[in-house]
Amino acid sequence: MNLITKGHEARPRERLAALGASLFARGLTTGTSGNLSVRVSDGWLMTPTNVSLGTLDPDRLSKLDENGRHVGGDRPTKESLLHLVLYRQRRDAGGIVHLHSTYAAAVSCMDGLDPAGCVPPLTAYFAMRVGRLPLVPYHRPGDPALATAIYDLAARYHAILLANHGPIVSGTTLDSAAAAIEELEETAKLFLLLRGIPTRPLSDQEVSQLDRGH
């Protein structure tokens, strides 16, 4: 391990790279799509731009300081502004995962979705790990206007679907964000499989009981 990975950043660097490799190996990200980040004591670590999540080098991860300035490692993902908005609006967020996973991305391309909740609570685990999933209108990747578009939503929801793009999810830890986005992907798959079939999502009362821990 070289100097850059010594100290408090060693574990989050290694964990971020390991998660990226796992997501890539299981087909949840392809090519150089998707990006990850984790909060550290003096800023954030993010995946670099144009790098496959399957081949992340812990020593070359992008380092941003508490003001969001790039201070070390390779150039950060062009979607770093999205991550920073979520962190600033959600002070408990410790990690963020953004993917172009197949089924969630497919749902993001559908017409006629409810922008206030574009995937219904088909399962208890979706309701617990994801909750209500708002849809943000299409913006080109890296467009600063997209960060502005999610600003208010980020204060109320930890998971957001970007139209014609994919999901972005924050969690108290990087692992909890990953668990939530994987649950979102599986529920998006169910949602597509059940299109045209009479379906009974969980009721508001059933969801509220889950929220209370029952």
N, C-alpha and C. Protein backbone atom coordinates (compact mmCIF):
# COMPACT_ATOMS: atom_id res chain seq x y z
N MET A 1 0.85 -1.20 0.00
CA MET A 1 0.00 0.00 0.00
C MET A 1 0.88 1.24 0.00
N ASN A 2 0.64 2.20 -0.89
CA ASN A 2 1.49 3.37 -0.91
C ASN A 2 0.96 4.45 0.02
N LEU A 3 1.63 5.60 0.04
CA LEU A 3 1.30 6.65 1.00
C LEU A 3 -0.14 7.13 0.90
N ILE A 4 -0.69 7.18 -0.32
CA ILE A 4 -2.02 7.76 -0.50
C ILE A 4 -3.11 6.93 0.17
N THR A 5 -2.87 5.62 0.33
CA THR A 5 -3.91 4.78 0.91
C THR A 5 -3.69 4.52 2.40
N LYS A 6 -2.66 5.11 2.99
CA LYS A 6 -2.45 4.95 4.43
C LYS A 6 -3.42 5.84 5.20
N GLY A 7 -3.69 5.46 6.42
CA GLY A 7 -4.52 6.29 7.27
C GLY A 7 -6.00 6.05 7.07
N HIS A 8 -6.79 7.10 7.35
CA HIS A 8 -8.25 6.95 7.42
C HIS A 8 -8.90 6.65 6.08
N GLU A 9 -8.21 6.89 4.96
CA GLU A 9 -8.82 6.67 3.66
C GLU A 9 -8.61 5.26 3.10
N ALA A 10 -7.77 4.47 3.73
CA ALA A 10 -7.43 3.16 3.15
C ALA A 10 -8.67 2.28 3.01
N ARG A 11 -9.44 2.16 4.07
CA ARG A 11 -10.59 1.26 4.03
C ARG A 11 -11.66 1.73 3.05
N PRO A 12 -12.09 3.03 3.08
CA PRO A 12 -13.11 3.44 2.10
C PRO A 12 -12.63 3.34 0.66
N ARG A 13 -11.35 3.57 0.40
CA ARG A 13 -10.83 3.40 -0.96
C ARG A 13 -10.95 1.95 -1.42
N GLU A 14 -10.55 1.05 -0.55
CA GLU A 14 -10.60 -0.36 -0.91
C GLU A 14 -12.04 -0.85 -1.05
N ARG A 15 -12.92 -0.37 -0.17
CA ARG A 15 -14.31 -0.81 -0.23
C ARG A 15 -14.99 -0.30 -1.49
N LEU A 16 -14.71 0.96 -1.87
CA LEU A 16 -15.32 1.52 -3.07
C LEU A 16 -14.88 0.74 -4.31
N ALA A 17 -13.58 0.42 -4.38
CA ALA A 17 -13.08 -0.34 -5.53
C ALA A 17 -13.67 -1.75 -5.55
N ALA A 18 -13.80 -2.37 -4.38
CA ALA A 18 -14.37 -3.73 -4.32
C ALA A 18 -15.83 -3.73 -4.72
N LEU A 19 -16.58 -2.72 -4.30
CA LEU A 19 -17.99 -2.65 -4.68
C LEU A 19 -18.12 -2.45 -6.19
N GLY A 20 -17.30 -1.58 -6.75
CA GLY A 20 -17.34 -1.37 -8.20
C GLY A 20 -17.09 -2.66 -8.95
N ALA A 21 -16.11 -3.45 -8.50
CA ALA A 21 -15.80 -4.72 -9.15
C ALA A 21 -16.98 -5.69 -9.04
N SER A 22 -17.63 -5.71 -7.87
CA SER A 22 -18.77 -6.60 -7.67
C SER A 22 -19.95 -6.22 -8.56
N LEU A 23 -20.26 -4.93 -8.63
CA LEU A 23 -21.37 -4.47 -9.47
C LEU A 23 -21.10 -4.79 -10.94
N PHE A 24 -19.85 -4.60 -11.36
CA PHE A 24 -19.49 -4.89 -12.76
C PHE A 24 -19.58 -6.38 -13.05
N ALA A 25 -19.07 -7.20 -12.14
CA ALA A 25 -19.06 -8.64 -12.36
C ALA A 25 -20.47 -9.21 -12.45
N ARG A 26 -21.42 -8.58 -11.78
CA ARG A 26 -22.80 -9.07 -11.77
C ARG A 26 -23.68 -8.39 -12.81
N GLY A 27 -23.06 -7.61 -13.70
CA GLY A 27 -23.80 -7.02 -14.81
C GLY A 27 -24.67 -5.84 -14.45
N LEU A 28 -24.45 -5.24 -13.28
CA LEU A 28 -25.24 -4.07 -12.89
C LEU A 28 -24.67 -2.78 -13.47
N THR A 29 -23.49 -2.86 -14.06
CA THR A 29 -22.88 -1.74 -14.77
C THR A 29 -22.05 -2.32 -15.91
N THR A 30 -21.97 -1.60 -17.00
CA THR A 30 -21.20 -2.06 -18.16
C THR A 30 -20.32 -0.94 -18.68
N GLY A 31 -19.28 -1.31 -19.40
CA GLY A 31 -18.39 -0.30 -19.97
C GLY A 31 -17.85 0.63 -18.89
N THR A 32 -17.97 1.93 -19.14
CA THR A 32 -17.52 2.92 -18.14
C THR A 32 -18.71 3.65 -17.53
N SER A 33 -19.88 3.01 -17.55
CA SER A 33 -21.08 3.66 -17.01
C SER A 33 -21.12 3.54 -15.49
N GLY A 34 -21.86 4.46 -14.88
CA GLY A 34 -22.07 4.44 -13.44
C GLY A 34 -20.94 5.11 -12.68
N ASN A 35 -21.24 5.50 -11.45
CA ASN A 35 -20.23 6.12 -10.59
C ASN A 35 -20.61 5.95 -9.13
N LEU A 36 -19.58 5.94 -8.29
CA LEU A 36 -19.73 5.71 -6.86
C LEU A 36 -19.00 6.80 -6.10
N SER A 37 -19.43 7.04 -4.87
CA SER A 37 -18.70 7.97 -4.01
C SER A 37 -18.92 7.59 -2.56
N VAL A 38 -17.99 8.03 -1.71
CA VAL A 38 -18.10 7.79 -0.28
C VAL A 38 -17.58 9.01 0.47
N ARG A 39 -18.24 9.33 1.57
CA ARG A 39 -17.82 10.46 2.39
C ARG A 39 -16.64 10.04 3.28
N VAL A 40 -15.63 10.91 3.36
CA VAL A 40 -14.53 10.74 4.31
C VAL A 40 -14.47 11.99 5.18
N SER A 41 -13.59 12.00 6.16
CA SER A 41 -13.63 13.05 7.17
C SER A 41 -13.39 14.45 6.61
N ASP A 42 -12.65 14.56 5.52
CA ASP A 42 -12.33 15.88 4.98
C ASP A 42 -12.81 16.06 3.54
N GLY A 43 -13.87 15.34 3.16
CA GLY A 43 -14.41 15.50 1.81
C GLY A 43 -15.03 14.21 1.30
N TRP A 44 -14.74 13.90 0.03
CA TRP A 44 -15.33 12.72 -0.61
C TRP A 44 -14.33 12.04 -1.52
N LEU A 45 -14.49 10.73 -1.66
CA LEU A 45 -13.80 9.96 -2.68
C LEU A 45 -14.82 9.59 -3.74
N MET A 46 -14.46 9.75 -5.02
CA MET A 46 -15.37 9.44 -6.13
C MET A 46 -14.63 8.64 -7.20
N THR A 47 -15.42 7.93 -7.98
CA THR A 47 -14.83 7.22 -9.12
C THR A 47 -14.43 8.23 -10.19
N PRO A 48 -13.31 8.00 -10.84
CA PRO A 48 -12.87 8.91 -11.90
C PRO A 48 -13.75 8.83 -13.14
N THR A 49 -13.67 9.83 -13.98
CA THR A 49 -14.41 9.82 -15.22
C THR A 49 -13.80 8.82 -16.21
N ASN A 50 -14.66 8.22 -17.01
CA ASN A 50 -14.23 7.34 -18.10
C ASN A 50 -13.45 6.11 -17.64
N VAL A 51 -13.78 5.60 -16.46
CA VAL A 51 -13.12 4.42 -15.93
C VAL A 51 -14.17 3.37 -15.60
N SER A 52 -13.94 2.13 -15.97
CA SER A 52 -14.87 1.05 -15.66
C SER A 52 -14.90 0.81 -14.16
N LEU A 53 -16.10 0.59 -13.62
CA LEU A 53 -16.20 0.26 -12.21
C LEU A 53 -15.56 -1.10 -11.91
N GLY A 54 -15.34 -1.89 -12.95
CA GLY A 54 -14.72 -3.20 -12.76
C GLY A 54 -13.23 -3.16 -12.57
N THR A 55 -12.60 -2.02 -12.87
CA THR A 55 -11.13 -1.95 -12.81
C THR A 55 -10.64 -0.75 -12.02
N LEU A 56 -11.34 -0.39 -10.96
CA LEU A 56 -10.96 0.78 -10.18
C LEU A 56 -9.66 0.53 -9.41
N ASP A 57 -8.80 1.52 -9.42
CA ASP A 57 -7.56 1.48 -8.64
C ASP A 57 -7.76 2.34 -7.40
N PRO A 58 -7.71 1.76 -6.19
CA PRO A 58 -7.95 2.55 -4.98
C PRO A 58 -7.08 3.79 -4.87
N ASP A 59 -5.84 3.70 -5.37
CA ASP A 59 -4.92 4.82 -5.27
C ASP A 59 -5.23 5.97 -6.23
N ARG A 60 -6.04 5.70 -7.26
CA ARG A 60 -6.30 6.72 -8.28
C ARG A 60 -7.71 7.30 -8.19
N LEU A 61 -8.45 6.94 -7.15
CA LEU A 61 -9.78 7.52 -6.98
C LEU A 61 -9.69 9.03 -6.83
N SER A 62 -10.70 9.73 -7.29
CA SER A 62 -10.74 11.18 -7.21
C SER A 62 -11.01 11.60 -5.77
N LYS A 63 -10.28 12.59 -5.31
CA LYS A 63 -10.52 13.15 -3.97
C LYS A 63 -11.04 14.57 -4.12
N LEU A 64 -12.18 14.85 -3.50
CA LEU A 64 -12.76 16.18 -3.46
C LEU A 64 -12.76 16.66 -2.03
N ASP A 65 -12.43 17.94 -1.83
CA ASP A 65 -12.41 18.47 -0.47
C ASP A 65 -13.82 18.85 -0.02
N GLU A 66 -13.95 19.42 1.17
CA GLU A 66 -15.25 19.73 1.74
C GLU A 66 -16.02 20.76 0.93
N ASN A 67 -15.32 21.50 0.06
CA ASN A 67 -15.98 22.47 -0.81
C ASN A 67 -16.27 21.92 -2.20
N GLY A 68 -16.01 20.63 -2.39
CA GLY A 68 -16.27 20.00 -3.69
C GLY A 68 -15.19 20.24 -4.71
N ARG A 69 -14.03 20.72 -4.29
CA ARG A 69 -12.93 20.95 -5.23
C ARG A 69 -12.09 19.70 -5.39
N HIS A 70 -11.68 19.44 -6.62
CA HIS A 70 -10.84 18.28 -6.92
C HIS A 70 -9.44 18.55 -6.38
N VAL A 71 -8.99 17.72 -5.43
CA VAL A 71 -7.69 17.98 -4.79
C VAL A 71 -6.72 16.81 -4.91
N GLY A 72 -7.16 15.69 -5.52
CA GLY A 72 -6.24 14.57 -5.63
C GLY A 72 -6.81 13.47 -6.50
N GLY A 73 -5.92 12.61 -6.99
CA GLY A 73 -6.34 11.49 -7.81
C GLY A 73 -6.73 11.92 -9.21
N ASP A 74 -7.31 10.99 -9.96
CA ASP A 74 -7.73 11.28 -11.33
C ASP A 74 -8.94 12.21 -11.35
N ARG A 75 -9.23 12.77 -12.52
CA ARG A 75 -10.36 13.69 -12.66
C ARG A 75 -11.66 12.97 -12.32
N PRO A 76 -12.53 13.59 -11.51
CA PRO A 76 -13.74 12.89 -11.06
C PRO A 76 -14.79 12.74 -12.15
N THR A 77 -15.72 11.83 -11.91
CA THR A 77 -16.86 11.65 -12.78
C THR A 77 -17.51 12.98 -13.13
N LYS A 78 -17.97 13.10 -14.38
CA LYS A 78 -18.62 14.34 -14.79
C LYS A 78 -19.96 14.54 -14.09
N GLU A 79 -20.42 13.51 -13.37
CA GLU A 79 -21.67 13.62 -12.62
C GLU A 79 -21.43 13.87 -11.13
N SER A 80 -20.24 14.38 -10.82
CA SER A 80 -19.90 14.65 -9.42
C SER A 80 -20.85 15.66 -8.79
N LEU A 81 -21.40 16.58 -9.59
CA LEU A 81 -22.32 17.58 -9.04
C LEU A 81 -23.57 16.91 -8.46
N LEU A 82 -24.03 15.83 -9.09
CA LEU A 82 -25.20 15.11 -8.57
C LEU A 82 -24.89 14.56 -7.18
N HIS A 83 -23.72 13.97 -7.04
CA HIS A 83 -23.32 13.41 -5.75
C HIS A 83 -23.26 14.52 -4.70
N LEU A 84 -22.65 15.64 -5.05
CA LEU A 84 -22.49 16.72 -4.08
C LEU A 84 -23.83 17.29 -3.63
N VAL A 85 -24.78 17.38 -4.55
CA VAL A 85 -26.12 17.88 -4.18
C VAL A 85 -26.76 16.94 -3.17
N LEU A 86 -26.69 15.64 -3.43
CA LEU A 86 -27.27 14.68 -2.49
C LEU A 86 -26.59 14.75 -1.13
N TYR A 87 -25.28 14.84 -1.10
CA TYR A 87 -24.58 14.93 0.18
C TYR A 87 -24.96 16.20 0.94
N ARG A 88 -25.09 17.28 0.24
CA ARG A 88 -25.38 18.55 0.92
C ARG A 88 -26.83 18.62 1.40
N GLN A 89 -27.71 17.95 0.69
CA GLN A 89 -29.12 17.92 1.09
C GLN A 89 -29.41 16.81 2.10
N ARG A 90 -28.55 15.81 2.14
CA ARG A 90 -28.76 14.67 3.04
C ARG A 90 -27.50 14.50 3.91
N ARG A 91 -27.51 15.17 5.03
CA ARG A 91 -26.33 15.23 5.88
C ARG A 91 -25.95 13.87 6.46
N ASP A 92 -26.91 12.91 6.46
CA ASP A 92 -26.62 11.58 6.98
C ASP A 92 -26.04 10.66 5.92
N ALA A 93 -25.94 11.13 4.68
CA ALA A 93 -25.46 10.28 3.59
C ALA A 93 -23.97 10.00 3.74
N GLY A 94 -23.62 8.71 3.69
CA GLY A 94 -22.22 8.32 3.76
C GLY A 94 -21.69 7.76 2.46
N GLY A 95 -22.61 7.40 1.55
CA GLY A 95 -22.19 6.86 0.26
C GLY A 95 -23.29 7.00 -0.77
N ILE A 96 -22.91 7.04 -2.04
CA ILE A 96 -23.86 7.21 -3.14
C ILE A 96 -23.48 6.26 -4.28
N VAL A 97 -24.51 5.65 -4.87
CA VAL A 97 -24.31 4.76 -6.03
C VAL A 97 -25.22 5.25 -7.15
N HIS A 98 -24.65 5.45 -8.33
CA HIS A 98 -25.41 5.80 -9.53
C HIS A 98 -25.09 4.78 -10.61
N LEU A 99 -26.13 4.12 -11.14
CA LEU A 99 -25.94 3.10 -12.16
C LEU A 99 -26.82 3.37 -13.37
N HIS A 100 -26.47 2.73 -14.49
CA HIS A 100 -27.33 2.68 -15.67
C HIS A 100 -27.83 1.25 -15.81
N SER A 101 -28.18 0.63 -14.69
CA SER A 101 -28.59 -0.78 -14.66
C SER A 101 -29.78 -1.00 -15.58
N THR A 102 -29.82 -2.16 -16.22
CA THR A 102 -30.71 -2.40 -17.36
C THR A 102 -32.18 -2.14 -17.08
N TYR A 103 -32.72 -2.74 -16.04
CA TYR A 103 -34.17 -2.66 -15.82
C TYR A 103 -34.58 -1.28 -15.31
N ALA A 104 -33.81 -0.71 -14.41
CA ALA A 104 -34.14 0.64 -13.94
C ALA A 104 -34.00 1.65 -15.07
N ALA A 105 -32.96 1.50 -15.90
CA ALA A 105 -32.80 2.39 -17.05
C ALA A 105 -33.96 2.22 -18.03
N ALA A 106 -34.42 0.98 -18.21
CA ALA A 106 -35.55 0.73 -19.10
C ALA A 106 -36.80 1.45 -18.59
N VAL A 107 -37.06 1.35 -17.29
CA VAL A 107 -38.22 2.06 -16.72
C VAL A 107 -38.06 3.56 -16.93
N SER A 108 -36.84 4.07 -16.80
CA SER A 108 -36.62 5.52 -16.93
C SER A 108 -36.93 6.02 -18.34
N CYS A 109 -37.02 5.13 -19.31
CA CYS A 109 -37.33 5.50 -20.70
C CYS A 109 -38.82 5.42 -21.02
N MET A 110 -39.62 4.92 -20.09
CA MET A 110 -41.05 4.72 -20.36
C MET A 110 -41.81 6.04 -20.32
N ASP A 111 -42.85 6.11 -21.14
CA ASP A 111 -43.72 7.29 -21.16
C ASP A 111 -44.87 7.08 -20.18
N GLY A 112 -45.38 8.18 -19.65
CA GLY A 112 -46.56 8.12 -18.81
C GLY A 112 -46.31 7.72 -17.37
N LEU A 113 -45.07 7.72 -16.90
CA LEU A 113 -44.78 7.39 -15.51
C LEU A 113 -45.26 8.50 -14.58
N ASP A 114 -45.61 8.14 -13.36
CA ASP A 114 -45.96 9.12 -12.35
C ASP A 114 -44.67 9.74 -11.83
N PRO A 115 -44.43 11.03 -12.07
CA PRO A 115 -43.16 11.62 -11.64
C PRO A 115 -42.99 11.66 -10.13
N ALA A 116 -44.09 11.56 -9.39
CA ALA A 116 -43.99 11.58 -7.93
C ALA A 116 -43.63 10.22 -7.35
N GLY A 117 -43.81 9.16 -8.13
CA GLY A 117 -43.51 7.81 -7.68
C GLY A 117 -43.58 6.87 -8.86
N CYS A 118 -42.49 6.73 -9.59
CA CYS A 118 -42.55 6.07 -10.90
C CYS A 118 -42.50 4.55 -10.83
N VAL A 119 -42.14 3.99 -9.70
CA VAL A 119 -42.21 2.53 -9.50
C VAL A 119 -43.03 2.29 -8.24
N PRO A 120 -44.10 1.51 -8.32
CA PRO A 120 -44.95 1.29 -7.15
C PRO A 120 -44.27 0.37 -6.13
N PRO A 121 -44.73 0.41 -4.87
CA PRO A 121 -44.16 -0.47 -3.83
C PRO A 121 -44.68 -1.89 -3.98
N LEU A 122 -44.08 -2.64 -4.89
CA LEU A 122 -44.52 -4.01 -5.17
C LEU A 122 -44.14 -4.97 -4.06
N THR A 123 -43.05 -4.70 -3.38
CA THR A 123 -42.59 -5.58 -2.30
C THR A 123 -42.26 -4.77 -1.06
N ALA A 124 -42.24 -5.47 0.08
CA ALA A 124 -41.90 -4.82 1.34
C ALA A 124 -40.47 -4.29 1.32
N TYR A 125 -39.56 -5.04 0.70
CA TYR A 125 -38.17 -4.60 0.71
C TYR A 125 -37.93 -3.37 -0.14
N PHE A 126 -38.70 -3.22 -1.22
CA PHE A 126 -38.62 -1.98 -2.00
C PHE A 126 -39.09 -0.81 -1.14
N ALA A 127 -40.21 -1.01 -0.45
CA ALA A 127 -40.75 0.06 0.40
C ALA A 127 -39.77 0.45 1.50
N MET A 128 -39.10 -0.53 2.08
CA MET A 128 -38.18 -0.25 3.19
C MET A 128 -36.85 0.32 2.73
N ARG A 129 -36.31 -0.20 1.64
CA ARG A 129 -34.96 0.20 1.23
C ARG A 129 -34.94 1.37 0.25
N VAL A 130 -36.01 1.52 -0.53
CA VAL A 130 -36.05 2.58 -1.54
C VAL A 130 -37.08 3.63 -1.19
N GLY A 131 -38.30 3.20 -0.88
CA GLY A 131 -39.37 4.15 -0.60
C GLY A 131 -39.93 4.74 -1.88
N ARG A 132 -40.50 5.92 -1.78
CA ARG A 132 -41.05 6.58 -2.98
C ARG A 132 -39.92 6.97 -3.91
N LEU A 133 -40.11 6.71 -5.21
CA LEU A 133 -39.06 6.96 -6.20
C LEU A 133 -39.53 8.02 -7.19
N PRO A 134 -39.12 9.28 -7.02
CA PRO A 134 -39.51 10.32 -7.96
C PRO A 134 -38.70 10.24 -9.26
N LEU A 135 -39.28 10.81 -10.32
CA LEU A 135 -38.64 10.83 -11.63
C LEU A 135 -38.26 12.26 -11.99
N VAL A 136 -37.03 12.47 -12.41
CA VAL A 136 -36.55 13.79 -12.84
C VAL A 136 -36.51 13.83 -14.36
N PRO A 137 -37.04 14.88 -14.99
CA PRO A 137 -37.02 14.97 -16.46
C PRO A 137 -35.61 14.85 -17.02
N TYR A 138 -35.53 14.46 -18.28
CA TYR A 138 -34.24 14.22 -18.94
C TYR A 138 -33.37 15.47 -19.01
N HIS A 139 -32.10 15.28 -18.68
CA HIS A 139 -31.02 16.24 -18.93
C HIS A 139 -29.84 15.43 -19.44
N ARG A 140 -29.02 16.03 -20.27
CA ARG A 140 -27.85 15.30 -20.75
C ARG A 140 -26.92 15.00 -19.58
N PRO A 141 -26.21 13.86 -19.61
CA PRO A 141 -25.28 13.52 -18.54
C PRO A 141 -24.23 14.62 -18.33
N GLY A 142 -24.02 14.99 -17.09
CA GLY A 142 -23.05 16.02 -16.77
C GLY A 142 -23.59 17.43 -16.85
N ASP A 143 -24.84 17.61 -17.26
CA ASP A 143 -25.44 18.94 -17.36
C ASP A 143 -25.62 19.51 -15.95
N PRO A 144 -25.03 20.67 -15.63
CA PRO A 144 -25.20 21.25 -14.30
C PRO A 144 -26.67 21.50 -13.95
N ALA A 145 -27.52 21.66 -14.95
CA ALA A 145 -28.95 21.89 -14.69
C ALA A 145 -29.59 20.67 -14.05
N LEU A 146 -29.01 19.48 -14.25
CA LEU A 146 -29.57 18.29 -13.62
C LEU A 146 -29.38 18.34 -12.11
N ALA A 147 -28.24 18.83 -11.67
CA ALA A 147 -28.02 18.99 -10.23
C ALA A 147 -29.04 19.95 -9.63
N THR A 148 -29.34 21.01 -10.35
CA THR A 148 -30.36 21.96 -9.90
C THR A 148 -31.73 21.30 -9.85
N ALA A 149 -32.02 20.45 -10.85
CA ALA A 149 -33.32 19.80 -10.95
C ALA A 149 -33.58 18.84 -9.80
N ILE A 150 -32.53 18.23 -9.26
CA ILE A 150 -32.74 17.27 -8.17
C ILE A 150 -32.58 17.90 -6.79
N TYR A 151 -32.26 19.17 -6.73
CA TYR A 151 -31.91 19.80 -5.45
C TYR A 151 -33.01 19.63 -4.41
N ASP A 152 -34.23 20.03 -4.74
CA ASP A 152 -35.32 19.95 -3.76
C ASP A 152 -35.70 18.50 -3.46
N LEU A 153 -35.71 17.66 -4.49
CA LEU A 153 -36.05 16.26 -4.28
C LEU A 153 -35.05 15.57 -3.36
N ALA A 154 -33.79 15.95 -3.47
CA ALA A 154 -32.75 15.29 -2.69
C ALA A 154 -32.95 15.46 -1.19
N ALA A 155 -33.61 16.52 -0.79
CA ALA A 155 -33.86 16.74 0.64
C ALA A 155 -34.93 15.80 1.17
N ARG A 156 -35.79 15.29 0.27
CA ARG A 156 -36.93 14.47 0.70
C ARG A 156 -36.79 12.99 0.35
N TYR A 157 -35.97 12.68 -0.65
CA TYR A 157 -35.86 11.30 -1.12
C TYR A 157 -34.39 10.91 -1.25
N HIS A 158 -34.07 9.69 -0.83
CA HIS A 158 -32.68 9.26 -0.97
C HIS A 158 -32.45 8.49 -2.27
N ALA A 159 -33.53 8.19 -3.00
CA ALA A 159 -33.43 7.50 -4.29
C ALA A 159 -34.21 8.29 -5.33
N ILE A 160 -33.59 8.52 -6.47
CA ILE A 160 -34.19 9.31 -7.55
C ILE A 160 -33.90 8.61 -8.87
N LEU A 161 -34.89 8.59 -9.76
CA LEU A 161 -34.68 8.03 -11.09
C LEU A 161 -34.55 9.17 -12.09
N LEU A 162 -33.48 9.17 -12.86
CA LEU A 162 -33.22 10.19 -13.87
C LEU A 162 -33.76 9.69 -15.21
N ALA A 163 -34.66 10.44 -15.82
CA ALA A 163 -35.31 10.00 -17.06
C ALA A 163 -34.29 9.71 -18.15
N ASN A 164 -34.52 8.60 -18.88
CA ASN A 164 -33.66 8.17 -19.99
C ASN A 164 -32.20 8.06 -19.55
N HIS A 165 -32.00 7.60 -18.32
CA HIS A 165 -30.65 7.62 -17.77
C HIS A 165 -30.48 6.47 -16.77
N GLY A 166 -30.99 6.62 -15.54
CA GLY A 166 -30.84 5.57 -14.54
C GLY A 166 -31.01 6.12 -13.13
N PRO A 167 -30.87 5.26 -12.11
CA PRO A 167 -31.10 5.66 -10.73
C PRO A 167 -29.85 6.19 -10.04
N ILE A 168 -30.07 7.06 -9.06
CA ILE A 168 -29.00 7.48 -8.15
C ILE A 168 -29.56 7.37 -6.74
N VAL A 169 -28.80 6.74 -5.85
CA VAL A 169 -29.28 6.41 -4.51
C VAL A 169 -28.20 6.75 -3.49
N SER A 170 -28.60 7.41 -2.41
CA SER A 170 -27.70 7.65 -1.29
C SER A 170 -28.07 6.75 -0.13
N GLY A 171 -27.11 6.51 0.75
CA GLY A 171 -27.35 5.72 1.95
C GLY A 171 -26.48 6.21 3.07
N THR A 172 -26.78 5.80 4.28
CA THR A 172 -25.95 6.21 5.41
C THR A 172 -24.54 5.65 5.27
N THR A 173 -24.42 4.55 4.55
CA THR A 173 -23.12 3.98 4.21
C THR A 173 -23.13 3.63 2.72
N LEU A 174 -21.97 3.39 2.18
CA LEU A 174 -21.87 2.97 0.77
C LEU A 174 -22.59 1.64 0.57
N ASP A 175 -22.46 0.74 1.53
CA ASP A 175 -23.11 -0.57 1.40
C ASP A 175 -24.63 -0.46 1.43
N SER A 176 -25.17 0.44 2.27
CA SER A 176 -26.62 0.58 2.31
C SER A 176 -27.15 1.21 1.02
N ALA A 177 -26.38 2.12 0.43
CA ALA A 177 -26.77 2.69 -0.86
C ALA A 177 -26.78 1.61 -1.94
N ALA A 178 -25.77 0.73 -1.90
CA ALA A 178 -25.70 -0.36 -2.88
C ALA A 178 -26.86 -1.33 -2.70
N ALA A 179 -27.20 -1.66 -1.46
CA ALA A 179 -28.32 -2.58 -1.20
C ALA A 179 -29.62 -1.99 -1.72
N ALA A 180 -29.80 -0.68 -1.53
CA ALA A 180 -31.03 -0.03 -1.99
C ALA A 180 -31.13 0.00 -3.50
N ILE A 181 -30.02 0.29 -4.18
CA ILE A 181 -30.10 0.39 -5.65
C ILE A 181 -30.26 -1.00 -6.26
N GLU A 182 -29.75 -2.03 -5.61
CA GLU A 182 -29.97 -3.39 -6.11
C GLU A 182 -31.43 -3.79 -5.92
N GLU A 183 -32.03 -3.40 -4.81
CA GLU A 183 -33.45 -3.66 -4.61
C GLU A 183 -34.28 -2.91 -5.64
N LEU A 184 -33.88 -1.68 -5.95
CA LEU A 184 -34.57 -0.89 -6.97
C LEU A 184 -34.50 -1.59 -8.33
N GLU A 185 -33.33 -2.11 -8.67
CA GLU A 185 -33.17 -2.79 -9.95
C GLU A 185 -34.07 -4.03 -10.04
N GLU A 186 -34.13 -4.80 -8.97
CA GLU A 186 -34.97 -6.00 -8.98
C GLU A 186 -36.45 -5.64 -9.07
N THR A 187 -36.84 -4.57 -8.39
CA THR A 187 -38.25 -4.16 -8.44
C THR A 187 -38.60 -3.57 -9.80
N ALA A 188 -37.65 -2.88 -10.43
CA ALA A 188 -37.87 -2.40 -11.79
C ALA A 188 -38.10 -3.58 -12.74
N LYS A 189 -37.36 -4.66 -12.52
CA LYS A 189 -37.54 -5.87 -13.33
C LYS A 189 -38.95 -6.44 -13.12
N LEU A 190 -39.38 -6.52 -11.86
CA LEU A 190 -40.74 -6.99 -11.57
C LEU A 190 -41.78 -6.09 -12.23
N PHE A 191 -41.56 -4.80 -12.13
CA PHE A 191 -42.50 -3.82 -12.69
C PHE A 191 -42.68 -4.04 -14.19
N LEU A 192 -41.59 -4.31 -14.90
CA LEU A 192 -41.66 -4.55 -16.33
C LEU A 192 -42.30 -5.90 -16.64
N LEU A 193 -41.97 -6.91 -15.84
CA LEU A 193 -42.56 -8.24 -16.05
C LEU A 193 -44.07 -8.24 -15.83
N LEU A 194 -44.55 -7.38 -14.95
CA LEU A 194 -45.96 -7.36 -14.57
C LEU A 194 -46.79 -6.38 -15.40
N ARG A 195 -46.17 -5.69 -16.34
CA ARG A 195 -46.92 -4.73 -17.17
C ARG A 195 -48.06 -5.45 -17.88
N GLY A 196 -49.27 -4.92 -17.73
CA GLY A 196 -50.43 -5.51 -18.37
C GLY A 196 -51.08 -6.62 -17.57
N ILE A 197 -50.50 -6.96 -16.43
CA ILE A 197 -51.07 -8.00 -15.55
C ILE A 197 -51.66 -7.31 -14.32
N PRO A 198 -52.88 -7.64 -13.92
CA PRO A 198 -53.44 -7.04 -12.71
C PRO A 198 -52.49 -7.23 -11.52
N THR A 199 -52.14 -6.13 -10.88
CA THR A 199 -51.12 -6.16 -9.83
C THR A 199 -51.62 -5.41 -8.60
N ARG A 200 -51.25 -5.90 -7.42
CA ARG A 200 -51.64 -5.23 -6.18
C ARG A 200 -50.38 -4.75 -5.45
N PRO A 201 -50.00 -3.49 -5.64
CA PRO A 201 -48.90 -2.95 -4.83
C PRO A 201 -49.31 -2.87 -3.36
N LEU A 202 -48.35 -2.68 -2.47
CA LEU A 202 -48.65 -2.48 -1.06
C LEU A 202 -49.48 -1.20 -0.89
N SER A 203 -50.41 -1.23 0.03
CA SER A 203 -51.22 -0.05 0.32
C SER A 203 -50.41 0.95 1.15
N ASP A 204 -50.89 2.18 1.22
CA ASP A 204 -50.23 3.20 2.04
C ASP A 204 -50.14 2.73 3.49
N GLN A 205 -51.21 2.08 3.98
CA GLN A 205 -51.21 1.59 5.35
C GLN A 205 -50.14 0.51 5.54
N GLU A 206 -50.04 -0.40 4.59
CA GLU A 206 -49.03 -1.45 4.69
C GLU A 206 -47.63 -0.87 4.66
N VAL A 207 -47.43 0.14 3.83
CA VAL A 207 -46.12 0.79 3.77
C VAL A 207 -45.82 1.51 5.07
N SER A 208 -46.81 2.19 5.63
CA SER A 208 -46.58 2.94 6.87
C SER A 208 -46.25 1.99 8.02
N GLN A 209 -46.82 0.80 8.01
CA GLN A 209 -46.49 -0.18 9.04
C GLN A 209 -45.04 -0.64 8.92
N LEU A 210 -44.56 -0.75 7.69
CA LEU A 210 -43.15 -1.09 7.50
C LEU A 210 -42.27 0.04 8.00
N ASP A 211 -42.67 1.28 7.71
CA ASP A 211 -41.89 2.44 8.16
C ASP A 211 -41.77 2.49 9.67
N ARG A 212 -42.78 1.97 10.36
CA ARG A 212 -42.75 1.98 11.83
C ARG A 212 -42.04 0.76 12.39
N GLY A 213 -41.53 -0.08 11.48
CA GLY A 213 -40.74 -1.22 11.92
C GLY A 213 -41.53 -2.46 12.19
N HIS A 214 -42.83 -2.52 11.83
CA HIS A 214 -43.64 -3.71 12.08
C HIS A 214 -43.42 -4.74 10.97
